[in-house]
Amino acid sequence: MNNRKLLVVVGPTAVGKTAVAIRLAEHYRTEVVSADSRQIYREMNIGTAKPSEEELKRVTHHFINVRSVREAYDAGAFGVDARSIIDGLFRQHQKVILCGGSGLYIQSVLEGFDDMPAGNPAARAEIVEAFEKQGLDWLQGEVAHHDPDYFEIVDRKNPQRLMRALEIIRATGAPYSGFRKKERLVLPYEVVKIGLTLEREELYRRIDQRVDEMMLRGLFEEAAELFPHRHLGALQTVGYQEVFGCMEGKYSREEAVDLLKRNTRRYAKRQMTWFRRDPEIRWFSPSDWEGILGAGQSADNIP
């Protein structure tokens, strides 16, 4: 795989990753591997801001609409599956695009995870029930008590990751952090990391605009169809939980929209905190095409 490059496009939600990834793919006549933990699911469309049908026709995307919310799937499995797809694409292309805002999914592809022990469905059901009754504070407290090392680095606002950790802890009697990978993979191709960023005011404006567009496209109607399955891990996410809360009578529709905008801004901030820790990422405005293209072409002679 000499001279092969994996161009990794990352950044916060609404920054413009999809447009840049498609432009890069068209430029290099290659394909996009999506690293979004929610766009994988067929039933979740409006709330996940998937590429449009026109965009999907322009460039082949992998890992869009490939799973049901009823199917268990996690970052570790994604990493294995994505690397297999990427290896196959490199037999046809000099460059491949990996694009997404899910830091753990990106990490799983580039660094890998140790094989995790099998979970316990009964323990998982008990944890989900306790979380629904006692809330996020309880879940955070359990993980902090049983695995303080993992609690230091986990996204504490992400109940699915906290529940997964607690499930492994209860199934094995050992800290979840003890199963995390200690050595990075050695990949047979070069990795170029391209981060997209905007001034905070502009990013927040785009987030608010995206939420308004989701409402017009029917996010409430989509969430209503998913409401009976709201306990599933795939739906424990920004964009659906706020609407579910409205449907449960906790607040009004207008308050749900405001809450969704606020939580999306907070999610974008957490994404940036994650990616800023990686010194290998080179940062660009999404409009800086020359800079982005230069990052992909540096140190090679591939046109």
C-alpha atoms as a PDB file:
ATOM      1  CA  MET A   1       0.000   0.000   0.000  1.00  0.00           C
ATOM      2  CA  ASN A   2       2.925   2.314  -0.693  1.00  0.00           C
ATOM      3  CA  ASN A   3       1.892   5.961  -1.268  1.00  0.00           C
ATOM      4  CA  ARG A   4      -1.630   5.290  -0.046  1.00  0.00           C
ATOM      5  CA  LYS A   5      -3.172   7.982   2.129  1.00  0.00           C
ATOM      6  CA  LEU A   6      -6.206   7.950   4.372  1.00  0.00           C
ATOM      7  CA  LEU A   7      -7.517  11.513   4.586  1.00  0.00           C
ATOM      8  CA  VAL A   8      -9.392  11.860   7.873  1.00  0.00           C
ATOM      9  CA  VAL A   9     -11.842  14.781   7.991  1.00  0.00           C
ATOM     10  CA  VAL A  10     -13.013  15.641  11.516  1.00  0.00           C
ATOM     11  CA  GLY A  11     -14.649  18.512  13.363  1.00  0.00           C
ATOM     12  CA  PRO A  12     -17.779  19.506  15.262  1.00  0.00           C
ATOM     13  CA  THR A  13     -21.318  19.033  14.081  1.00  0.00           C
ATOM     14  CA  ALA A  14     -22.566  21.514  11.434  1.00  0.00           C
ATOM     15  CA  VAL A  15     -19.047  22.705  10.546  1.00  0.00           C
ATOM     16  CA  GLY A  16     -19.281  21.377   6.977  1.00  0.00           C
ATOM     17  CA  LYS A  17     -17.492  18.013   7.058  1.00  0.00           C
ATOM     18  CA  THR A  18     -19.784  16.323   4.530  1.00  0.00           C
ATOM     19  CA  ALA A  19     -19.287  18.997   1.871  1.00  0.00           C
ATOM     20  CA  VAL A  20     -15.498  18.939   2.261  1.00  0.00           C
ATOM     21  CA  ALA A  21     -15.342  15.123   2.234  1.00  0.00           C
ATOM     22  CA  ILE A  22     -17.427  14.950  -0.936  1.00  0.00           C
ATOM     23  CA  ARG A  23     -15.290  17.579  -2.640  1.00  0.00           C
ATOM     24  CA  LEU A  24     -12.119  15.682  -1.716  1.00  0.00           C
ATOM     25  CA  ALA A  25     -13.625  12.404  -2.917  1.00  0.00           C
ATOM     26  CA  GLU A  26     -14.602  13.946  -6.237  1.00  0.00           C
ATOM     27  CA  HIS A  27     -11.157  15.505  -6.624  1.00  0.00           C
ATOM     28  CA  TYR A  28      -9.365  12.202  -6.021  1.00  0.00           C
ATOM     29  CA  ARG A  29     -12.090  10.053  -7.634  1.00  0.00           C
ATOM     30  CA  THR A  30     -12.444   7.989  -4.512  1.00  0.00           C
ATOM     31  CA  GLU A  31     -15.031   7.091  -1.870  1.00  0.00           C
ATOM     32  CA  VAL A  32     -16.027   8.199   1.626  1.00  0.00           C
ATOM     33  CA  VAL A  33     -16.105   6.030   4.734  1.00  0.00           C
ATOM     34  CA  SER A  34     -18.490   7.658   7.214  1.00  0.00           C
ATOM     35  CA  ALA A  35     -17.470   7.607  10.879  1.00  0.00           C
ATOM     36  CA  ASP A  36     -20.704   8.850  12.397  1.00  0.00           C
ATOM     37  CA  SER A  37     -22.136   6.753  15.212  1.00  0.00           C
ATOM     38  CA  ARG A  38     -25.753   7.610  14.315  1.00  0.00           C
ATOM     39  CA  GLN A  39     -25.836   7.923  10.516  1.00  0.00           C
ATOM     40  CA  ILE A  40     -25.253   4.169  10.502  1.00  0.00           C
ATOM     41  CA  TYR A  41     -28.913   3.604  11.464  1.00  0.00           C
ATOM     42  CA  ARG A  42     -31.582   3.405   8.785  1.00  0.00           C
ATOM     43  CA  GLU A  43     -34.416   4.753  10.933  1.00  0.00           C
ATOM     44  CA  MET A  44     -32.558   7.894  12.010  1.00  0.00           C
ATOM     45  CA  ASN A  45     -32.447  10.349   9.112  1.00  0.00           C
ATOM     46  CA  ILE A  46     -33.497  13.902   9.857  1.00  0.00           C
ATOM     47  CA  GLY A  47     -32.023  14.049  13.356  1.00  0.00           C
ATOM     48  CA  THR A  48     -28.617  12.781  12.214  1.00  0.00           C
ATOM     49  CA  ALA A  49     -28.123  15.232   9.309  1.00  0.00           C
ATOM     50  CA  LYS A  50     -27.209  12.474   6.866  1.00  0.00           C
ATOM     51  CA  PRO A  51     -25.876  13.355   3.423  1.00  0.00           C
ATOM     52  CA  SER A  52     -28.720  14.068   1.039  1.00  0.00           C
ATOM     53  CA  GLU A  53     -29.756  11.648  -1.699  1.00  0.00           C
ATOM     54  CA  GLU A  54     -28.073  13.933  -4.236  1.00  0.00           C
ATOM     55  CA  GLU A  55     -24.834  13.912  -2.238  1.00  0.00           C
ATOM     56  CA  LEU A  56     -24.917  10.133  -1.914  1.00  0.00           C
ATOM     57  CA  LYS A  57     -25.338   9.861  -5.692  1.00  0.00           C
ATOM     58  CA  ARG A  58     -22.328  12.113  -6.281  1.00  0.00           C
ATOM     59  CA  VAL A  59     -19.941  10.033  -4.158  1.00  0.00           C
ATOM     60  CA  THR A  60     -20.188   6.509  -2.768  1.00  0.00           C
ATOM     61  CA  HIS A  61     -20.466   6.544   1.025  1.00  0.00           C
ATOM     62  CA  HIS A  62     -19.923   3.542   3.287  1.00  0.00           C
ATOM     63  CA  PHE A  63     -21.648   3.023   6.670  1.00  0.00           C
ATOM     64  CA  ILE A  64     -24.743   5.088   5.909  1.00  0.00           C
ATOM     65  CA  ASN A  65     -28.055   3.277   6.577  1.00  0.00           C
ATOM     66  CA  VAL A  66     -26.443  -0.110   7.197  1.00  0.00           C
ATOM     67  CA  ARG A  67     -27.942  -1.016  10.585  1.00  0.00           C
ATOM     68  CA  SER A  68     -31.246  -0.931  12.417  1.00  0.00           C
ATOM     69  CA  VAL A  69     -31.568   0.793  15.782  1.00  0.00           C
ATOM     70  CA  ARG A  70     -32.593  -2.643  17.073  1.00  0.00           C
ATOM     71  CA  GLU A  71     -29.149  -4.084  16.293  1.00  0.00           C
ATOM     72  CA  ALA A  72     -26.301  -3.834  18.778  1.00  0.00           C
ATOM     73  CA  TYR A  73     -23.269  -2.086  17.296  1.00  0.00           C
ATOM     74  CA  ASP A  74     -20.408  -0.221  18.895  1.00  0.00           C
ATOM     75  CA  ALA A  75     -17.163   1.592  18.142  1.00  0.00           C
ATOM     76  CA  GLY A  76     -15.046  -1.535  18.469  1.00  0.00           C
ATOM     77  CA  ALA A  77     -17.062  -3.408  15.850  1.00  0.00           C
ATOM     78  CA  PHE A  78     -17.074  -0.356  13.612  1.00  0.00           C
ATOM     79  CA  GLY A  79     -13.289  -0.086  13.713  1.00  0.00           C
ATOM     80  CA  VAL A  80     -12.868  -3.663  12.523  1.00  0.00           C
ATOM     81  CA  ASP A  81     -15.502  -3.292   9.793  1.00  0.00           C
ATOM     82  CA  ALA A  82     -14.225   0.101   8.618  1.00  0.00           C
ATOM     83  CA  ARG A  83     -10.612  -1.027   8.338  1.00  0.00           C
ATOM     84  CA  SER A  84     -11.754  -3.942   6.182  1.00  0.00           C
ATOM     85  CA  ILE A  85     -13.618  -1.574   3.853  1.00  0.00           C
ATOM     86  CA  ILE A  86     -10.678   0.852   3.751  1.00  0.00           C
ATOM     87  CA  ASP A  87      -8.222  -1.935   2.896  1.00  0.00           C
ATOM     88  CA  GLY A  88     -10.467  -2.957  -0.001  1.00  0.00           C
ATOM     89  CA  LEU A  89     -10.777   0.607  -1.284  1.00  0.00           C
ATOM     90  CA  PHE A  90      -7.005   1.031  -1.303  1.00  0.00           C
ATOM     91  CA  ARG A  91      -6.814  -1.737  -3.893  1.00  0.00           C
ATOM     92  CA  GLN A  92      -8.588   0.662  -6.272  1.00  0.00           C
ATOM     93  CA  HIS A  93      -7.639   4.133  -5.014  1.00  0.00           C
ATOM     94  CA  GLN A  94      -4.523   5.986  -3.920  1.00  0.00           C
ATOM     95  CA  LYS A  95      -6.533   8.009  -1.414  1.00  0.00           C
ATOM     96  CA  VAL A  96      -9.583   7.202   0.715  1.00  0.00           C
ATOM     97  CA  ILE A  97     -11.644   9.645   2.794  1.00  0.00           C
ATOM     98  CA  LEU A  98     -12.670   8.872   6.395  1.00  0.00           C
ATOM     99  CA  CYS A  99     -15.107  11.520   7.616  1.00  0.00           C
ATOM    100  CA  GLY A 100     -16.998  11.996  10.864  1.00  0.00           C
ATOM    101  CA  GLY A 101     -17.467  13.753  14.152  1.00  0.00           C
ATOM    102  CA  SER A 102     -17.608  10.685  16.406  1.00  0.00           C
ATOM    103  CA  GLY A 103     -14.188  10.781  18.040  1.00  0.00           C
ATOM    104  CA  LEU A 104     -14.418   7.277  19.460  1.00  0.00           C
ATOM    105  CA  TYR A 105     -15.283   5.841  16.032  1.00  0.00           C
ATOM    106  CA  ILE A 106     -12.331   7.644  14.438  1.00  0.00           C
ATOM    107  CA  GLN A 107     -10.065   6.393  17.224  1.00  0.00           C
ATOM    108  CA  SER A 108     -11.306   2.844  16.773  1.00  0.00           C
ATOM    109  CA  VAL A 109     -10.333   2.879  13.086  1.00  0.00           C
ATOM    110  CA  LEU A 110      -6.918   4.463  13.564  1.00  0.00           C
ATOM    111  CA  GLU A 111      -5.833   2.905  16.853  1.00  0.00           C
ATOM    112  CA  GLY A 112      -8.074  -0.100  17.432  1.00  0.00           C
ATOM    113  CA  PHE A 113      -9.596  -1.454  20.616  1.00  0.00           C
ATOM    114  CA  ASP A 114      -8.912  -4.609  22.531  1.00  0.00           C
ATOM    115  CA  ASP A 115     -11.580  -7.272  22.199  1.00  0.00           C
ATOM    116  CA  MET A 116     -14.096  -6.511  24.915  1.00  0.00           C
ATOM    117  CA  PRO A 117     -15.674  -9.299  26.978  1.00  0.00           C
ATOM    118  CA  ALA A 118     -19.215 -10.254  26.080  1.00  0.00           C
ATOM    119  CA  GLY A 119     -21.813  -8.217  27.884  1.00  0.00           C
ATOM    120  CA  ASN A 120     -24.635  -9.544  29.989  1.00  0.00           C
ATOM    121  CA  PRO A 121     -28.129  -8.830  28.581  1.00  0.00           C
ATOM    122  CA  ALA A 122     -29.752  -9.167  32.001  1.00  0.00           C
ATOM    123  CA  ALA A 123     -27.264  -6.760  33.575  1.00  0.00           C
ATOM    124  CA  ARG A 124     -27.741  -4.370  30.661  1.00  0.00           C
ATOM    125  CA  ALA A 125     -31.519  -4.402  31.135  1.00  0.00           C
ATOM    126  CA  GLU A 126     -31.102  -3.678  34.857  1.00  0.00           C
ATOM    127  CA  ILE A 127     -28.736  -0.782  34.127  1.00  0.00           C
ATOM    128  CA  VAL A 128     -31.079   0.732  31.542  1.00  0.00           C
ATOM    129  CA  GLU A 129     -34.024   0.460  33.933  1.00  0.00           C
ATOM    130  CA  ALA A 130     -32.044   2.050  36.774  1.00  0.00           C
ATOM    131  CA  PHE A 131     -30.852   4.844  34.476  1.00  0.00           C
ATOM    132  CA  GLU A 132     -34.407   5.610  33.348  1.00  0.00           C
ATOM    133  CA  LYS A 133     -35.546   5.824  36.979  1.00  0.00           C
ATOM    134  CA  GLN A 134     -32.560   7.536  38.608  1.00  0.00           C
ATOM    135  CA  GLY A 135     -31.045   9.521  35.768  1.00  0.00           C
ATOM    136  CA  LEU A 136     -27.611  10.493  34.551  1.00  0.00           C
ATOM    137  CA  ASP A 137     -26.261  11.479  37.978  1.00  0.00           C
ATOM    138  CA  TRP A 138     -26.732   7.910  39.201  1.00  0.00           C
ATOM    139  CA  LEU A 139     -25.045   6.475  36.132  1.00  0.00           C
ATOM    140  CA  GLN A 140     -22.092   8.838  36.435  1.00  0.00           C
ATOM    141  CA  GLY A 141     -21.729   7.979  40.115  1.00  0.00           C
ATOM    142  CA  GLU A 142     -21.653   4.243  39.446  1.00  0.00           C
ATOM    143  CA  VAL A 143     -18.939   4.499  36.813  1.00  0.00           C
ATOM    144  CA  ALA A 144     -16.919   6.984  38.872  1.00  0.00           C
ATOM    145  CA  HIS A 145     -17.035   4.636  41.872  1.00  0.00           C
ATOM    146  CA  HIS A 146     -16.147   1.413  40.047  1.00  0.00           C
ATOM    147  CA  ASP A 147     -13.743   2.805  37.425  1.00  0.00           C
ATOM    148  CA  PRO A 148     -12.405   6.294  38.250  1.00  0.00           C
ATOM    149  CA  ASP A 149      -9.718   6.034  35.552  1.00  0.00           C
ATOM    150  CA  TYR A 150     -12.271   5.607  32.782  1.00  0.00           C
ATOM    151  CA  PHE A 151     -14.536   8.243  34.309  1.00  0.00           C
ATOM    152  CA  GLU A 152     -11.728  10.771  33.935  1.00  0.00           C
ATOM    153  CA  ILE A 153     -11.709  10.442  30.134  1.00  0.00           C
ATOM    154  CA  VAL A 154     -15.234   9.363  29.149  1.00  0.00           C
ATOM    155  CA  ASP A 155     -17.840  11.762  27.766  1.00  0.00           C
ATOM    156  CA  ARG A 156     -19.821  12.020  30.998  1.00  0.00           C
ATOM    157  CA  LYS A 157     -22.917  13.264  29.184  1.00  0.00           C
ATOM    158  CA  ASN A 158     -23.107  10.161  26.979  1.00  0.00           C
ATOM    159  CA  PRO A 159     -25.280   7.594  28.788  1.00  0.00           C
ATOM    160  CA  GLN A 160     -24.690   4.865  26.204  1.00  0.00           C
ATOM    161  CA  ARG A 161     -20.934   4.831  26.818  1.00  0.00           C
ATOM    162  CA  LEU A 162     -21.419   4.974  30.573  1.00  0.00           C
ATOM    163  CA  MET A 163     -23.920   2.111  30.467  1.00  0.00           C
ATOM    164  CA  ARG A 164     -21.602   0.027  28.277  1.00  0.00           C
ATOM    165  CA  ALA A 165     -18.752   0.542  30.742  1.00  0.00           C
ATOM    166  CA  LEU A 166     -20.944  -0.353  33.707  1.00  0.00           C
ATOM    167  CA  GLU A 167     -22.220  -3.449  31.890  1.00  0.00           C
ATOM    168  CA  ILE A 168     -18.649  -4.710  31.373  1.00  0.00           C
ATOM    169  CA  ILE A 169     -17.743  -3.865  34.970  1.00  0.00           C
ATOM    170  CA  ARG A 170     -20.671  -5.881  36.293  1.00  0.00           C
ATOM    171  CA  ALA A 171     -20.111  -8.763  33.868  1.00  0.00           C
ATOM    172  CA  THR A 172     -16.401  -9.157  34.672  1.00  0.00           C
ATOM    173  CA  GLY A 173     -15.906  -7.627  38.104  1.00  0.00           C
ATOM    174  CA  ALA A 174     -12.995  -5.662  36.626  1.00  0.00           C
ATOM    175  CA  PRO A 175     -12.666  -1.998  35.591  1.00  0.00           C
ATOM    176  CA  TYR A 176     -13.663  -1.218  32.008  1.00  0.00           C
ATOM    177  CA  SER A 177     -10.471   0.803  31.570  1.00  0.00           C
ATOM    178  CA  GLY A 178      -8.432  -2.370  32.002  1.00  0.00           C
ATOM    179  CA  PHE A 179      -9.728  -3.673  28.684  1.00  0.00           C
ATOM    180  CA  ARG A 180      -8.875  -0.549  26.684  1.00  0.00           C
ATOM    181  CA  LYS A 181      -6.117  -0.899  24.128  1.00  0.00           C
ATOM    182  CA  LYS A 182      -2.609  -0.081  25.334  1.00  0.00           C
ATOM    183  CA  GLU A 183      -0.810  -0.169  21.965  1.00  0.00           C
ATOM    184  CA  ARG A 184      -1.863   1.601  18.770  1.00  0.00           C
ATOM    185  CA  LEU A 185      -2.267  -0.240  15.503  1.00  0.00           C
ATOM    186  CA  VAL A 186       0.388   0.118  12.839  1.00  0.00           C
ATOM    187  CA  LEU A 187      -1.574   0.907   9.684  1.00  0.00           C
ATOM    188  CA  PRO A 188      -0.173   0.036   6.230  1.00  0.00           C
ATOM    189  CA  TYR A 189      -0.910   3.500   4.850  1.00  0.00           C
ATOM    190  CA  GLU A 190      -0.275   7.114   5.770  1.00  0.00           C
ATOM    191  CA  VAL A 191      -2.908   8.951   7.786  1.00  0.00           C
ATOM    192  CA  VAL A 192      -3.486  12.677   7.177  1.00  0.00           C
ATOM    193  CA  LYS A 193      -5.793  14.317   9.710  1.00  0.00           C
ATOM    194  CA  ILE A 194      -7.729  17.387   8.563  1.00  0.00           C
ATOM    195  CA  GLY A 195      -9.730  19.276  11.179  1.00  0.00           C
ATOM    196  CA  LEU A 196     -12.447  21.773  10.265  1.00  0.00           C
ATOM    197  CA  THR A 197     -13.186  24.684  12.543  1.00  0.00           C
ATOM    198  CA  LEU A 198     -15.135  27.947  12.588  1.00  0.00           C
ATOM    199  CA  GLU A 199     -15.451  30.925  14.883  1.00  0.00           C
ATOM    200  CA  ARG A 200     -17.805  29.997  17.694  1.00  0.00           C
ATOM    201  CA  GLU A 201     -20.493  32.514  16.722  1.00  0.00           C
ATOM    202  CA  GLU A 202     -20.608  31.219  13.149  1.00  0.00           C
ATOM    203  CA  LEU A 203     -20.682  27.585  14.248  1.00  0.00           C
ATOM    204  CA  TYR A 204     -23.517  28.267  16.680  1.00  0.00           C
ATOM    205  CA  ARG A 205     -25.423  30.125  13.966  1.00  0.00           C
ATOM    206  CA  ARG A 206     -25.082  27.085  11.706  1.00  0.00           C
ATOM    207  CA  ILE A 207     -26.223  24.775  14.495  1.00  0.00           C
ATOM    208  CA  ASP A 208     -29.325  26.856  15.158  1.00  0.00           C
ATOM    209  CA  GLN A 209     -30.080  26.991  11.441  1.00  0.00           C
ATOM    210  CA  ARG A 210     -29.686  23.225  11.115  1.00  0.00           C
ATOM    211  CA  VAL A 211     -32.066  22.581  14.011  1.00  0.00           C
ATOM    212  CA  ASP A 212     -34.666  24.900  12.472  1.00  0.00           C
ATOM    213  CA  GLU A 213     -34.323  23.039   9.172  1.00  0.00           C
ATOM    214  CA  MET A 214     -34.739  19.702  10.955  1.00  0.00           C
ATOM    215  CA  MET A 215     -38.003  20.928  12.436  1.00  0.00           C
ATOM    216  CA  LEU A 216     -39.273  21.980   9.008  1.00  0.00           C
ATOM    217  CA  ARG A 217     -38.288  18.613   7.536  1.00  0.00           C
ATOM    218  CA  GLY A 218     -40.264  16.729  10.199  1.00  0.00           C
ATOM    219  CA  LEU A 219     -37.955  15.776  13.063  1.00  0.00           C
ATOM    220  CA  PHE A 220     -40.914  15.542  15.466  1.00  0.00           C
ATOM    221  CA  GLU A 221     -42.742  13.165  13.127  1.00  0.00           C
ATOM    222  CA  GLU A 222     -39.626  11.020  12.701  1.00  0.00           C
ATOM    223  CA  ALA A 223     -39.084  10.909  16.462  1.00  0.00           C
ATOM    224  CA  ALA A 224     -42.743   9.966  16.998  1.00  0.00           C
ATOM    225  CA  GLU A 225     -42.197   6.810  14.948  1.00  0.00           C
ATOM    226  CA  LEU A 226     -39.131   5.969  17.045  1.00  0.00           C
ATOM    227  CA  PHE A 227     -40.730   6.865  20.384  1.00  0.00           C
ATOM    228  CA  PRO A 228     -41.668   3.240  21.269  1.00  0.00           C
ATOM    229  CA  HIS A 229     -37.980   2.324  20.930  1.00  0.00           C
ATOM    230  CA  ARG A 230     -36.601   5.301  22.884  1.00  0.00           C
ATOM    231  CA  HIS A 231     -34.946   2.979  25.429  1.00  0.00           C
ATOM    232  CA  LEU A 232     -32.558   1.590  22.805  1.00  0.00           C
ATOM    233  CA  GLY A 233     -28.921   2.668  23.009  1.00  0.00           C
ATOM    234  CA  ALA A 234     -28.863   4.103  19.482  1.00  0.00           C
ATOM    235  CA  LEU A 235     -31.518   6.642  20.459  1.00  0.00           C
ATOM    236  CA  GLN A 236     -29.768   7.915  23.596  1.00  0.00           C
ATOM    237  CA  THR A 237     -28.495  10.880  21.645  1.00  0.00           C
ATOM    238  CA  VAL A 238     -28.877  14.593  21.057  1.00  0.00           C
ATOM    239  CA  GLY A 239     -31.582  15.272  18.510  1.00  0.00           C
ATOM    240  CA  TYR A 240     -34.002  12.614  19.705  1.00  0.00           C
ATOM    241  CA  GLN A 241     -33.866  12.697  23.502  1.00  0.00           C
ATOM    242  CA  GLU A 242     -35.056  16.330  23.531  1.00  0.00           C
ATOM    243  CA  VAL A 243     -38.048  15.501  21.333  1.00  0.00           C
ATOM    244  CA  PHE A 244     -38.853  12.390  23.363  1.00  0.00           C
ATOM    245  CA  GLY A 245     -38.924  14.575  26.490  1.00  0.00           C
ATOM    246  CA  CYS A 246     -41.500  16.800  24.845  1.00  0.00           C
ATOM    247  CA  MET A 247     -43.604  13.788  23.889  1.00  0.00           C
ATOM    248  CA  GLU A 248     -43.477  12.613  27.495  1.00  0.00           C
ATOM    249  CA  GLY A 249     -44.928  15.955  28.566  1.00  0.00           C
ATOM    250  CA  LYS A 250     -41.833  17.290  30.292  1.00  0.00           C
ATOM    251  CA  TYR A 251     -41.824  20.555  28.323  1.00  0.00           C
ATOM    252  CA  SER A 252     -43.359  22.278  25.299  1.00  0.00           C
ATOM    253  CA  ARG A 253     -42.397  21.929  21.649  1.00  0.00           C
ATOM    254  CA  GLU A 254     -40.768  25.368  21.700  1.00  0.00           C
ATOM    255  CA  GLU A 255     -38.770  24.440  24.777  1.00  0.00           C
ATOM    256  CA  ALA A 256     -37.696  21.203  23.078  1.00  0.00           C
ATOM    257  CA  VAL A 257     -36.318  23.176  20.130  1.00  0.00           C
ATOM    258  CA  ASP A 258     -34.404  25.525  22.444  1.00  0.00           C
ATOM    259  CA  LEU A 259     -33.083  22.553  24.412  1.00  0.00           C
ATOM    260  CA  LEU A 260     -31.991  20.798  21.225  1.00  0.00           C
ATOM    261  CA  LYS A 261     -30.067  23.867  20.078  1.00  0.00           C
ATOM    262  CA  ARG A 262     -28.389  24.228  23.465  1.00  0.00           C
ATOM    263  CA  ASN A 263     -27.462  20.554  23.719  1.00  0.00           C
ATOM    264  CA  THR A 264     -26.138  20.497  20.157  1.00  0.00           C
ATOM    265  CA  ARG A 265     -23.894  23.462  20.926  1.00  0.00           C
ATOM    266  CA  ARG A 266     -22.634  21.644  24.013  1.00  0.00           C
ATOM    267  CA  TYR A 267     -22.060  18.510  21.955  1.00  0.00           C
ATOM    268  CA  ALA A 268     -20.038  20.508  19.427  1.00  0.00           C
ATOM    269  CA  LYS A 269     -17.912  21.879  22.264  1.00  0.00           C
ATOM    270  CA  ARG A 270     -17.228  18.341  23.541  1.00  0.00           C
ATOM    271  CA  GLN A 271     -16.279  17.250  20.028  1.00  0.00           C
ATOM    272  CA  MET A 272     -13.753  20.072  19.759  1.00  0.00           C
ATOM    273  CA  THR A 273     -12.323  19.228  23.178  1.00  0.00           C
ATOM    274  CA  TRP A 274     -11.790  15.643  22.015  1.00  0.00           C
ATOM    275  CA  PHE A 275     -10.169  16.536  18.698  1.00  0.00           C
ATOM    276  CA  ARG A 276      -8.036  19.367  20.071  1.00  0.00           C
ATOM    277  CA  ARG A 277      -6.144  16.792  22.143  1.00  0.00           C
ATOM    278  CA  ASP A 278      -4.697  15.301  18.951  1.00  0.00           C
ATOM    279  CA  PRO A 279      -1.572  17.202  17.845  1.00  0.00           C
ATOM    280  CA  GLU A 280      -1.584  15.407  14.476  1.00  0.00           C
ATOM    281  CA  ILE A 281      -4.703  17.242  13.294  1.00  0.00           C
ATOM    282  CA  ARG A 282      -4.112  20.219  10.999  1.00  0.00           C
ATOM    283  CA  TRP A 283      -6.900  22.762  11.306  1.00  0.00           C
ATOM    284  CA  PHE A 284      -8.592  24.659   8.475  1.00  0.00           C
ATOM    285  CA  SER A 285     -11.676  26.716   7.805  1.00  0.00           C
ATOM    286  CA  PRO A 286     -14.077  24.616   5.702  1.00  0.00           C
ATOM    287  CA  SER A 287     -13.814  27.320   3.032  1.00  0.00           C
ATOM    288  CA  ASP A 288      -9.997  27.031   2.813  1.00  0.00           C
ATOM    289  CA  TRP A 289     -10.011  24.569  -0.064  1.00  0.00           C
ATOM    290  CA  GLU A 290      -6.425  25.274  -1.094  1.00  0.00           C
ATOM    291  CA  GLY A 291      -5.174  24.587   2.425  1.00  0.00           C
ATOM    292  CA  ILE A 292      -7.234  21.424   2.766  1.00  0.00           C
ATOM    293  CA  LEU A 293      -6.131  20.135  -0.630  1.00  0.00           C
ATOM    294  CA  GLY A 294      -2.534  20.971   0.171  1.00  0.00           C
ATOM    295  CA  ALA A 295      -2.714  18.884   3.343  1.00  0.00           C
ATOM    296  CA  GLY A 296      -3.835  15.897   1.303  1.00  0.00           C
ATOM    297  CA  GLN A 297      -1.162  16.360  -1.333  1.00  0.00           C
ATOM    298  CA  SER A 298       1.785  17.153   0.917  1.00  0.00           C
ATOM    299  CA  ALA A 299       4.852  14.940   0.666  1.00  0.00           C
ATOM    300  CA  ASP A 300       3.721  13.092  -2.448  1.00  0.00           C
ATOM    301  CA  ASN A 301       3.483  13.619  -6.160  1.00  0.00           C
ATOM    302  CA  ILE A 302      -0.039  12.300  -6.628  1.00  0.00           C
ATOM    303  CA  PRO A 303      -2.106  14.791  -8.653  1.00  0.00           C
END
